[in-house]
Amino acid sequence: MVLAKRTSKNQLTLPKSVVEQVGSADYYDVVCEDGRIVLTPVHPGAGASVRRRLTELGISEADVADAVRWARRP
């Protein structure tokens, strides 16, 4: 078990061993589930990276929409 202490300003320092396991992020999605605080790393620029790569590959938004429709068909 690794402990993190809450400061008077409601701040926590994430233990290095935990960050190493999930990867470093500047932002975290925070939710409360069954009395637990759950932090999930979020990478806001990741969507832009994916869009850029799809453009490089010549894959349009329409192509993605078609693929999603195909994957969701009964």
N, C-alpha and C. Protein backbone atom coordinates (compact mmCIF):
# COMPACT_ATOMS: atom_id res chain seq x y z
N MET A 1 0.84 -1.18 0.00
CA MET A 1 0.00 0.00 0.00
C MET A 1 0.89 1.24 0.00
N VAL A 2 0.46 2.23 -0.79
CA VAL A 2 1.17 3.50 -0.86
C VAL A 2 0.19 4.58 -0.40
N LEU A 3 0.63 5.44 0.48
CA LEU A 3 -0.24 6.50 0.99
C LEU A 3 0.11 7.84 0.36
N ALA A 4 -0.93 8.67 0.20
CA ALA A 4 -0.75 10.05 -0.24
C ALA A 4 -1.48 10.91 0.79
N LYS A 5 -0.84 11.98 1.23
CA LYS A 5 -1.43 12.85 2.24
C LYS A 5 -2.08 14.06 1.57
N ARG A 6 -3.30 14.37 1.98
CA ARG A 6 -4.00 15.55 1.49
C ARG A 6 -3.51 16.76 2.25
N THR A 7 -3.20 17.84 1.52
CA THR A 7 -2.74 19.06 2.16
C THR A 7 -3.95 19.91 2.57
N SER A 8 -3.69 20.99 3.27
CA SER A 8 -4.76 21.89 3.71
C SER A 8 -5.47 22.54 2.52
N LYS A 9 -4.84 22.51 1.34
CA LYS A 9 -5.45 23.07 0.12
C LYS A 9 -6.06 21.97 -0.76
N ASN A 10 -6.32 20.80 -0.16
CA ASN A 10 -6.92 19.65 -0.87
C ASN A 10 -6.07 19.17 -2.04
N GLN A 11 -4.77 19.24 -1.92
CA GLN A 11 -3.87 18.77 -2.96
C GLN A 11 -3.23 17.45 -2.54
N LEU A 12 -2.99 16.60 -3.54
CA LEU A 12 -2.29 15.33 -3.31
C LEU A 12 -1.07 15.28 -4.22
N THR A 13 -0.02 14.66 -3.73
CA THR A 13 1.12 14.36 -4.58
C THR A 13 1.03 12.88 -4.91
N LEU A 14 1.02 12.58 -6.21
CA LEU A 14 0.92 11.18 -6.61
C LEU A 14 2.26 10.50 -6.39
N PRO A 15 2.25 9.34 -5.74
CA PRO A 15 3.50 8.62 -5.51
C PRO A 15 4.17 8.23 -6.83
N LYS A 16 5.47 8.35 -6.88
CA LYS A 16 6.24 8.05 -8.09
C LYS A 16 5.95 6.64 -8.59
N SER A 17 5.86 5.67 -7.68
CA SER A 17 5.63 4.28 -8.10
C SER A 17 4.29 4.12 -8.81
N VAL A 18 3.29 4.90 -8.41
CA VAL A 18 1.97 4.83 -9.05
C VAL A 18 2.03 5.46 -10.43
N VAL A 19 2.64 6.63 -10.53
CA VAL A 19 2.75 7.32 -11.82
C VAL A 19 3.54 6.46 -12.81
N GLU A 20 4.56 5.79 -12.34
CA GLU A 20 5.36 4.92 -13.22
C GLU A 20 4.51 3.78 -13.78
N GLN A 21 3.55 3.31 -13.02
CA GLN A 21 2.70 2.20 -13.48
C GLN A 21 1.68 2.64 -14.53
N VAL A 22 1.14 3.85 -14.41
CA VAL A 22 0.09 4.30 -15.33
C VAL A 22 0.59 5.26 -16.39
N GLY A 23 1.77 5.78 -16.24
CA GLY A 23 2.30 6.76 -17.18
C GLY A 23 1.99 8.17 -16.72
N SER A 24 2.85 9.07 -17.08
CA SER A 24 2.73 10.45 -16.64
C SER A 24 1.65 11.18 -17.45
N ALA A 25 0.90 12.04 -16.78
CA ALA A 25 -0.11 12.87 -17.43
C ALA A 25 -0.21 14.18 -16.67
N ASP A 26 -0.57 15.23 -17.37
CA ASP A 26 -0.77 16.53 -16.72
C ASP A 26 -2.19 16.66 -16.18
N TYR A 27 -3.12 15.89 -16.75
CA TYR A 27 -4.52 15.98 -16.35
C TYR A 27 -5.04 14.58 -16.00
N TYR A 28 -5.99 14.56 -15.07
CA TYR A 28 -6.62 13.31 -14.65
C TYR A 28 -8.13 13.50 -14.57
N ASP A 29 -8.87 12.54 -15.10
CA ASP A 29 -10.31 12.51 -14.90
C ASP A 29 -10.54 12.02 -13.48
N VAL A 30 -11.40 12.70 -12.73
CA VAL A 30 -11.63 12.36 -11.32
C VAL A 30 -13.10 12.00 -11.14
N VAL A 31 -13.36 10.79 -10.63
CA VAL A 31 -14.73 10.37 -10.32
C VAL A 31 -14.74 9.70 -8.95
N CYS A 32 -15.91 9.68 -8.35
CA CYS A 32 -16.10 9.00 -7.08
C CYS A 32 -16.94 7.76 -7.36
N GLU A 33 -16.41 6.58 -7.03
CA GLU A 33 -17.10 5.32 -7.24
C GLU A 33 -17.12 4.54 -5.93
N ASP A 34 -18.30 4.31 -5.41
CA ASP A 34 -18.46 3.52 -4.18
C ASP A 34 -17.56 4.01 -3.06
N GLY A 35 -17.49 5.33 -2.87
CA GLY A 35 -16.69 5.91 -1.79
C GLY A 35 -15.20 5.96 -2.07
N ARG A 36 -14.80 5.66 -3.30
CA ARG A 36 -13.38 5.72 -3.69
C ARG A 36 -13.17 6.84 -4.70
N ILE A 37 -12.04 7.48 -4.64
CA ILE A 37 -11.67 8.48 -5.63
C ILE A 37 -10.85 7.75 -6.69
N VAL A 38 -11.32 7.83 -7.94
CA VAL A 38 -10.64 7.15 -9.04
C VAL A 38 -10.07 8.20 -9.98
N LEU A 39 -8.76 8.14 -10.19
CA LEU A 39 -8.07 9.06 -11.10
C LEU A 39 -7.68 8.30 -12.36
N THR A 40 -8.01 8.87 -13.53
CA THR A 40 -7.63 8.25 -14.79
C THR A 40 -6.83 9.26 -15.60
N PRO A 41 -5.61 8.92 -16.02
CA PRO A 41 -4.81 9.85 -16.80
C PRO A 41 -5.54 10.25 -18.09
N VAL A 42 -5.50 11.55 -18.41
CA VAL A 42 -6.12 12.06 -19.63
C VAL A 42 -5.06 12.81 -20.41
N HIS A 43 -5.05 12.59 -21.70
CA HIS A 43 -4.09 13.26 -22.58
C HIS A 43 -4.87 14.08 -23.60
N PRO A 44 -5.17 15.37 -23.27
CA PRO A 44 -6.03 16.19 -24.11
C PRO A 44 -5.59 16.30 -25.56
N GLY A 45 -4.32 16.28 -25.84
CA GLY A 45 -3.83 16.41 -27.21
C GLY A 45 -3.87 15.13 -28.00
N ALA A 46 -4.23 14.02 -27.37
CA ALA A 46 -4.20 12.73 -28.05
C ALA A 46 -5.16 12.69 -29.23
N GLY A 47 -6.34 13.30 -29.09
CA GLY A 47 -7.32 13.31 -30.18
C GLY A 47 -6.77 14.00 -31.41
N ALA A 48 -6.08 15.10 -31.21
CA ALA A 48 -5.49 15.83 -32.34
C ALA A 48 -4.42 14.99 -33.02
N SER A 49 -3.66 14.24 -32.24
CA SER A 49 -2.63 13.37 -32.81
C SER A 49 -3.26 12.29 -33.68
N VAL A 50 -4.35 11.72 -33.19
CA VAL A 50 -5.04 10.68 -33.96
C VAL A 50 -5.59 11.26 -35.25
N ARG A 51 -6.24 12.43 -35.17
CA ARG A 51 -6.80 13.06 -36.37
C ARG A 51 -5.69 13.36 -37.39
N ARG A 52 -4.57 13.85 -36.90
CA ARG A 52 -3.43 14.16 -37.79
C ARG A 52 -2.94 12.91 -38.49
N ARG A 53 -2.83 11.81 -37.74
CA ARG A 53 -2.35 10.55 -38.32
C ARG A 53 -3.35 9.99 -39.33
N LEU A 54 -4.65 10.09 -39.03
CA LEU A 54 -5.67 9.62 -39.98
C LEU A 54 -5.59 10.42 -41.28
N THR A 55 -5.38 11.73 -41.16
CA THR A 55 -5.24 12.57 -42.34
C THR A 55 -4.02 12.14 -43.16
N GLU A 56 -2.91 11.87 -42.48
CA GLU A 56 -1.70 11.41 -43.17
C GLU A 56 -1.95 10.11 -43.93
N LEU A 57 -2.82 9.27 -43.37
CA LEU A 57 -3.12 7.98 -44.00
C LEU A 57 -4.23 8.08 -45.04
N GLY A 58 -4.81 9.28 -45.19
CA GLY A 58 -5.87 9.47 -46.16
C GLY A 58 -7.22 8.93 -45.72
N ILE A 59 -7.41 8.80 -44.41
CA ILE A 59 -8.66 8.29 -43.86
C ILE A 59 -9.51 9.48 -43.42
N SER A 60 -10.71 9.59 -44.01
CA SER A 60 -11.58 10.73 -43.72
C SER A 60 -12.52 10.42 -42.55
N GLU A 61 -13.20 11.48 -42.07
CA GLU A 61 -14.19 11.29 -41.01
C GLU A 61 -15.32 10.39 -41.50
N ALA A 62 -15.66 10.51 -42.79
CA ALA A 62 -16.69 9.64 -43.37
C ALA A 62 -16.25 8.18 -43.34
N ASP A 63 -14.97 7.93 -43.62
CA ASP A 63 -14.44 6.56 -43.56
C ASP A 63 -14.57 6.00 -42.15
N VAL A 64 -14.25 6.82 -41.16
CA VAL A 64 -14.35 6.39 -39.76
C VAL A 64 -15.81 6.10 -39.41
N ALA A 65 -16.72 6.99 -39.82
CA ALA A 65 -18.15 6.79 -39.54
C ALA A 65 -18.64 5.50 -40.19
N ASP A 66 -18.22 5.23 -41.43
CA ASP A 66 -18.60 3.99 -42.10
C ASP A 66 -18.08 2.77 -41.34
N ALA A 67 -16.86 2.85 -40.86
CA ALA A 67 -16.27 1.73 -40.12
C ALA A 67 -17.01 1.49 -38.81
N VAL A 68 -17.41 2.56 -38.14
CA VAL A 68 -18.17 2.43 -36.89
C VAL A 68 -19.53 1.80 -37.17
N ARG A 69 -20.21 2.27 -38.23
CA ARG A 69 -21.50 1.67 -38.59
C ARG A 69 -21.34 0.19 -38.89
N TRP A 70 -20.29 -0.17 -39.62
CA TRP A 70 -20.04 -1.58 -39.97
C TRP A 70 -19.82 -2.40 -38.69
N ALA A 71 -19.02 -1.86 -37.77
CA ALA A 71 -18.69 -2.59 -36.53
C ALA A 71 -19.92 -2.76 -35.63
N ARG A 72 -20.86 -1.83 -35.71
CA ARG A 72 -22.04 -1.88 -34.84
C ARG A 72 -23.21 -2.62 -35.45
N ARG A 73 -23.07 -3.08 -36.69
CA ARG A 73 -24.20 -3.74 -37.32
C ARG A 73 -24.53 -5.05 -36.60
N PRO A 74 -25.81 -5.41 -36.60
CA PRO A 74 -26.22 -6.63 -35.88
C PRO A 74 -25.70 -7.91 -36.50
